């Protein structure tokens, strides 16, 4: 067993991997929209030429930001454990449910 395996349970490592991928993808989407919008605004006066250095730096910035955000999400799960929503176990099957169990609220107050 590796050191990582002995320090963090398999469920935590799996959840951390999922958190990394989801957060990195969401960050890449958001920062790409901002980068393209900013690039259009900055180059609107000079559309005849493309500054490839700026394009490359923008793409690198999006990638680096995504990796940092994904790593932060993964480390957060590894350090603090699984969120409560991930540990709500289904008693019938003993499986881990990704959805938190919520009790319905009644319309009438209790007497």
N, C-alpha and C. Protein backbone atom coordinates (compact mmCIF):
# COMPACT_ATOMS: atom_id res chain seq x y z
N UNK A 1 0.85 -1.18 0.00
CA UNK A 1 0.00 0.00 0.00
C UNK A 1 0.90 1.24 0.00
N UNK A 2 0.51 2.20 -0.79
CA UNK A 2 1.31 3.41 -0.89
C UNK A 2 1.04 4.33 0.31
N UNK A 3 1.88 5.33 0.44
CA UNK A 3 1.70 6.30 1.53
C UNK A 3 0.38 7.04 1.35
N UNK A 4 0.08 7.41 0.10
CA UNK A 4 -1.18 8.10 -0.17
C UNK A 4 -2.37 7.23 0.21
N UNK A 5 -2.28 5.94 -0.10
CA UNK A 5 -3.35 5.01 0.24
C UNK A 5 -3.53 4.83 1.74
N UNK A 6 -2.45 4.90 2.49
CA UNK A 6 -2.56 4.73 3.93
C UNK A 6 -3.02 6.01 4.63
N UNK A 7 -2.73 7.17 4.04
CA UNK A 7 -3.15 8.43 4.64
C UNK A 7 -4.61 8.79 4.35
N UNK A 8 -5.06 8.47 3.15
CA UNK A 8 -6.41 8.88 2.73
C UNK A 8 -7.19 7.67 2.26
N UNK A 9 -8.41 7.48 2.78
CA UNK A 9 -9.25 6.35 2.35
C UNK A 9 -9.55 6.43 0.85
N UNK A 10 -9.88 5.28 0.26
CA UNK A 10 -10.14 5.22 -1.17
C UNK A 10 -11.29 6.13 -1.57
N UNK A 11 -12.35 6.20 -0.77
CA UNK A 11 -13.49 7.06 -1.09
C UNK A 11 -13.07 8.53 -1.16
N UNK A 12 -12.19 8.94 -0.26
CA UNK A 12 -11.69 10.32 -0.27
C UNK A 12 -10.85 10.60 -1.51
N UNK A 13 -10.00 9.64 -1.87
CA UNK A 13 -9.17 9.84 -3.06
C UNK A 13 -10.01 9.91 -4.32
N UNK A 14 -11.03 9.07 -4.41
CA UNK A 14 -11.93 9.09 -5.56
C UNK A 14 -12.70 10.40 -5.63
N UNK A 15 -13.24 10.84 -4.49
CA UNK A 15 -13.97 12.11 -4.46
C UNK A 15 -13.05 13.29 -4.78
N UNK A 16 -11.81 13.22 -4.33
CA UNK A 16 -10.85 14.29 -4.63
C UNK A 16 -10.55 14.34 -6.12
N UNK A 17 -10.43 13.20 -6.74
CA UNK A 17 -10.22 13.16 -8.19
C UNK A 17 -11.38 13.74 -8.96
N UNK A 18 -12.59 13.38 -8.54
CA UNK A 18 -13.78 13.92 -9.18
C UNK A 18 -13.86 15.43 -8.96
N UNK A 19 -13.57 15.88 -7.75
CA UNK A 19 -13.60 17.31 -7.45
C UNK A 19 -12.57 18.06 -8.29
N UNK A 20 -11.39 17.46 -8.47
CA UNK A 20 -10.37 18.10 -9.31
C UNK A 20 -10.88 18.28 -10.73
N UNK A 21 -11.40 17.19 -11.31
CA UNK A 21 -11.85 17.27 -12.70
C UNK A 21 -13.01 18.25 -12.89
N UNK A 22 -14.00 18.17 -12.01
CA UNK A 22 -15.16 19.06 -12.14
C UNK A 22 -14.77 20.52 -11.95
N UNK A 23 -13.99 20.80 -10.94
CA UNK A 23 -13.61 22.19 -10.65
C UNK A 23 -12.71 22.74 -11.75
N UNK A 24 -11.76 21.94 -12.21
CA UNK A 24 -10.87 22.40 -13.28
C UNK A 24 -11.67 22.69 -14.55
N UNK A 25 -12.62 21.83 -14.89
CA UNK A 25 -13.43 22.03 -16.09
C UNK A 25 -14.30 23.28 -15.95
N UNK A 26 -14.94 23.45 -14.81
CA UNK A 26 -15.78 24.63 -14.60
C UNK A 26 -14.95 25.91 -14.62
N UNK A 27 -13.78 25.87 -14.05
CA UNK A 27 -12.91 27.05 -14.06
C UNK A 27 -12.44 27.36 -15.47
N UNK A 28 -12.09 26.34 -16.23
CA UNK A 28 -11.65 26.56 -17.62
C UNK A 28 -12.77 27.18 -18.44
N UNK A 29 -13.99 26.73 -18.23
CA UNK A 29 -15.12 27.30 -18.96
C UNK A 29 -15.30 28.78 -18.62
N UNK A 30 -15.31 29.08 -17.35
CA UNK A 30 -15.55 30.46 -16.92
C UNK A 30 -14.42 31.39 -17.34
N UNK A 31 -13.20 30.99 -17.14
CA UNK A 31 -12.09 31.87 -17.49
C UNK A 31 -11.92 32.00 -18.99
N UNK A 32 -12.29 30.97 -19.74
CA UNK A 32 -12.23 31.07 -21.20
C UNK A 32 -13.20 32.11 -21.72
N UNK A 33 -14.40 32.13 -21.18
CA UNK A 33 -15.39 33.14 -21.58
C UNK A 33 -14.86 34.53 -21.29
N UNK A 34 -14.31 34.71 -20.10
CA UNK A 34 -13.76 36.03 -19.75
C UNK A 34 -12.57 36.39 -20.63
N UNK A 35 -11.72 35.43 -20.92
CA UNK A 35 -10.53 35.70 -21.74
C UNK A 35 -10.92 36.06 -23.16
N UNK A 36 -11.87 35.34 -23.74
CA UNK A 36 -12.31 35.65 -25.11
C UNK A 36 -12.97 37.01 -25.16
N UNK A 37 -13.84 37.29 -24.18
CA UNK A 37 -14.49 38.60 -24.14
C UNK A 37 -13.47 39.71 -23.99
N UNK A 38 -12.53 39.54 -23.11
CA UNK A 38 -11.47 40.54 -22.92
C UNK A 38 -10.61 40.69 -24.16
N UNK A 39 -10.33 39.57 -24.82
CA UNK A 39 -9.53 39.63 -26.03
C UNK A 39 -10.22 40.37 -27.16
N UNK A 40 -11.53 40.19 -27.27
CA UNK A 40 -12.29 40.90 -28.30
C UNK A 40 -12.31 42.39 -28.01
N UNK A 41 -12.50 42.74 -26.76
CA UNK A 41 -12.54 44.16 -26.40
C UNK A 41 -11.18 44.80 -26.63
N UNK A 42 -10.10 44.14 -26.24
CA UNK A 42 -8.77 44.71 -26.37
C UNK A 42 -8.37 44.84 -27.84
N UNK A 43 -8.72 43.86 -28.66
CA UNK A 43 -8.28 43.88 -30.05
C UNK A 43 -9.34 44.44 -31.01
N UNK A 44 -10.41 45.01 -30.50
CA UNK A 44 -11.47 45.52 -31.38
C UNK A 44 -10.95 46.61 -32.31
N UNK A 45 -10.02 47.39 -31.87
CA UNK A 45 -9.46 48.45 -32.71
C UNK A 45 -8.40 47.94 -33.68
N UNK A 46 -7.90 46.75 -33.44
CA UNK A 46 -6.80 46.24 -34.25
C UNK A 46 -7.10 44.81 -34.70
N UNK A 47 -8.24 44.62 -35.38
CA UNK A 47 -8.66 43.28 -35.78
C UNK A 47 -7.86 42.71 -36.95
N UNK A 48 -7.11 43.54 -37.63
CA UNK A 48 -6.35 43.07 -38.79
C UNK A 48 -5.20 42.14 -38.39
N UNK A 49 -4.70 42.26 -37.17
CA UNK A 49 -3.59 41.42 -36.75
C UNK A 49 -3.92 40.72 -35.44
N UNK A 50 -3.32 39.56 -35.27
CA UNK A 50 -3.52 38.79 -34.05
C UNK A 50 -2.20 38.75 -33.30
N UNK A 51 -2.23 39.10 -32.05
CA UNK A 51 -1.04 39.05 -31.21
C UNK A 51 -0.96 37.64 -30.62
N UNK A 52 -0.17 36.78 -31.25
CA UNK A 52 -0.11 35.38 -30.84
C UNK A 52 0.52 35.19 -29.47
N UNK A 53 1.35 36.10 -29.07
CA UNK A 53 1.92 36.02 -27.72
C UNK A 53 0.81 36.19 -26.69
N UNK A 54 -0.07 37.15 -26.92
CA UNK A 54 -1.20 37.37 -26.00
C UNK A 54 -2.15 36.18 -25.99
N UNK A 55 -2.38 35.61 -27.16
CA UNK A 55 -3.25 34.42 -27.24
C UNK A 55 -2.63 33.27 -26.45
N UNK A 56 -1.34 33.06 -26.63
CA UNK A 56 -0.65 31.99 -25.90
C UNK A 56 -0.64 32.20 -24.40
N UNK A 57 -0.38 33.44 -24.00
CA UNK A 57 -0.38 33.74 -22.56
C UNK A 57 -1.77 33.59 -21.96
N UNK A 58 -2.79 33.97 -22.72
CA UNK A 58 -4.17 33.81 -22.24
C UNK A 58 -4.52 32.34 -22.08
N UNK A 59 -4.17 31.52 -23.07
CA UNK A 59 -4.43 30.08 -22.98
C UNK A 59 -3.67 29.46 -21.80
N UNK A 60 -2.43 29.87 -21.61
CA UNK A 60 -1.65 29.37 -20.48
C UNK A 60 -2.28 29.80 -19.16
N UNK A 61 -2.76 31.03 -19.10
CA UNK A 61 -3.41 31.53 -17.89
C UNK A 61 -4.67 30.74 -17.56
N UNK A 62 -5.47 30.41 -18.59
CA UNK A 62 -6.68 29.61 -18.38
C UNK A 62 -6.30 28.23 -17.85
N UNK A 63 -5.29 27.61 -18.45
CA UNK A 63 -4.87 26.27 -18.03
C UNK A 63 -4.32 26.28 -16.60
N UNK A 64 -3.48 27.24 -16.30
CA UNK A 64 -2.88 27.31 -14.95
C UNK A 64 -3.94 27.58 -13.90
N UNK A 65 -4.86 28.49 -14.20
CA UNK A 65 -5.93 28.79 -13.25
C UNK A 65 -6.80 27.56 -13.00
N UNK A 66 -7.10 26.81 -14.05
CA UNK A 66 -7.93 25.61 -13.91
C UNK A 66 -7.24 24.55 -13.06
N UNK A 67 -5.95 24.35 -13.28
CA UNK A 67 -5.20 23.35 -12.50
C UNK A 67 -5.12 23.76 -11.04
N UNK A 68 -4.90 25.04 -10.78
CA UNK A 68 -4.82 25.52 -9.39
C UNK A 68 -6.16 25.34 -8.69
N UNK A 69 -7.25 25.73 -9.37
CA UNK A 69 -8.58 25.60 -8.75
C UNK A 69 -8.93 24.13 -8.51
N UNK A 70 -8.65 23.26 -9.48
CA UNK A 70 -8.92 21.83 -9.32
C UNK A 70 -8.09 21.22 -8.21
N UNK A 71 -6.83 21.61 -8.13
CA UNK A 71 -5.96 21.09 -7.07
C UNK A 71 -6.44 21.54 -5.69
N UNK A 72 -6.90 22.77 -5.61
CA UNK A 72 -7.42 23.28 -4.34
C UNK A 72 -8.64 22.48 -3.90
N UNK A 73 -9.53 22.18 -4.84
CA UNK A 73 -10.72 21.38 -4.50
C UNK A 73 -10.33 19.98 -4.05
N UNK A 74 -9.39 19.36 -4.76
CA UNK A 74 -8.97 18.01 -4.40
C UNK A 74 -8.28 17.96 -3.04
N UNK A 75 -7.39 18.90 -2.79
CA UNK A 75 -6.69 18.93 -1.50
C UNK A 75 -7.67 19.21 -0.36
N UNK A 76 -8.67 20.04 -0.62
CA UNK A 76 -9.68 20.32 0.40
C UNK A 76 -10.39 19.04 0.83
N UNK A 77 -10.75 18.19 -0.11
CA UNK A 77 -11.40 16.93 0.24
C UNK A 77 -10.43 15.99 0.94
N UNK A 78 -9.19 15.94 0.48
CA UNK A 78 -8.22 15.05 1.13
C UNK A 78 -7.93 15.48 2.57
N UNK A 79 -7.85 16.78 2.81
CA UNK A 79 -7.52 17.27 4.15
C UNK A 79 -8.72 17.23 5.09
N UNK A 80 -9.87 17.67 4.60
CA UNK A 80 -11.05 17.81 5.47
C UNK A 80 -12.00 16.62 5.39
N UNK A 81 -11.74 15.67 4.52
CA UNK A 81 -12.60 14.50 4.40
C UNK A 81 -13.75 14.76 3.45
N UNK A 82 -14.57 13.75 3.31
CA UNK A 82 -15.70 13.83 2.40
C UNK A 82 -16.78 14.77 2.94
N UNK A 83 -17.40 15.57 2.08
CA UNK A 83 -18.52 16.39 2.51
C UNK A 83 -19.68 15.50 2.96
N UNK A 84 -20.54 16.04 3.80
CA UNK A 84 -21.66 15.27 4.33
C UNK A 84 -22.56 14.73 3.23
N UNK A 85 -22.70 15.46 2.14
CA UNK A 85 -23.55 15.01 1.04
C UNK A 85 -23.01 13.73 0.40
N UNK A 86 -21.70 13.50 0.47
CA UNK A 86 -21.11 12.31 -0.13
C UNK A 86 -21.17 11.11 0.80
N UNK A 87 -21.38 11.35 2.08
CA UNK A 87 -21.33 10.25 3.04
C UNK A 87 -22.70 9.78 3.50
N UNK A 88 -23.76 10.32 2.92
CA UNK A 88 -25.11 9.86 3.27
C UNK A 88 -25.30 8.47 2.67
N UNK A 89 -25.10 7.46 3.49
CA UNK A 89 -25.12 6.08 3.00
C UNK A 89 -26.54 5.57 2.84
N UNK A 90 -26.76 4.82 1.78
CA UNK A 90 -28.03 4.16 1.55
C UNK A 90 -28.01 2.88 2.38
N UNK A 91 -28.88 2.80 3.38
CA UNK A 91 -28.84 1.67 4.32
C UNK A 91 -29.18 0.35 3.65
N UNK A 92 -30.03 0.39 2.63
CA UNK A 92 -30.43 -0.85 1.98
C UNK A 92 -29.26 -1.50 1.24
N UNK A 93 -28.45 -0.70 0.58
CA UNK A 93 -27.35 -1.25 -0.21
C UNK A 93 -25.99 -0.98 0.41
N UNK A 94 -25.91 -0.05 1.36
CA UNK A 94 -24.64 0.31 1.95
C UNK A 94 -23.77 1.12 1.01
N UNK A 95 -24.39 1.69 -0.03
CA UNK A 95 -23.63 2.47 -1.01
C UNK A 95 -23.54 3.93 -0.58
N UNK A 96 -22.58 4.63 -1.13
CA UNK A 96 -22.43 6.05 -0.84
C UNK A 96 -23.27 6.83 -1.83
N UNK A 97 -24.12 7.70 -1.31
CA UNK A 97 -25.00 8.50 -2.15
C UNK A 97 -24.41 9.88 -2.36
N UNK A 98 -24.37 10.39 -3.61
CA UNK A 98 -23.84 11.73 -3.84
C UNK A 98 -24.83 12.83 -3.51
N UNK A 99 -26.04 12.47 -3.10
CA UNK A 99 -27.07 13.46 -2.81
C UNK A 99 -27.38 13.44 -1.32
N UNK A 100 -27.44 14.62 -0.73
CA UNK A 100 -27.78 14.71 0.69
C UNK A 100 -29.24 14.36 0.90
N UNK A 101 -29.53 13.67 1.97
CA UNK A 101 -30.90 13.35 2.29
C UNK A 101 -31.53 14.53 3.00
N UNK A 102 -32.70 14.96 2.52
CA UNK A 102 -33.38 16.11 3.08
C UNK A 102 -34.77 15.69 3.51
N UNK A 103 -35.12 16.02 4.73
CA UNK A 103 -36.45 15.71 5.23
C UNK A 103 -37.44 16.74 4.71
N UNK A 104 -38.61 16.33 4.23
CA UNK A 104 -39.60 17.29 3.74
C UNK A 104 -40.15 18.13 4.88
N UNK A 105 -40.49 19.37 4.58
CA UNK A 105 -41.05 20.29 5.56
C UNK A 105 -42.56 20.23 5.43
N UNK A 106 -43.24 20.06 6.56
CA UNK A 106 -44.71 19.98 6.51
C UNK A 106 -45.29 21.38 6.38
N UNK A 107 -46.47 21.46 5.74
CA UNK A 107 -47.15 22.73 5.50
C UNK A 107 -47.75 23.28 6.79
N UNK A 108 -48.23 22.42 7.68
CA UNK A 108 -48.89 22.87 8.90
C UNK A 108 -47.93 22.74 10.08
N UNK A 109 -48.00 23.70 11.02
CA UNK A 109 -47.13 23.58 12.19
C UNK A 109 -47.54 22.42 13.09
N UNK A 110 -46.55 21.83 13.73
CA UNK A 110 -46.81 20.72 14.64
C UNK A 110 -47.47 21.22 15.91
N UNK A 111 -48.42 20.43 16.41
CA UNK A 111 -49.15 20.84 17.62
C UNK A 111 -48.45 20.42 18.88
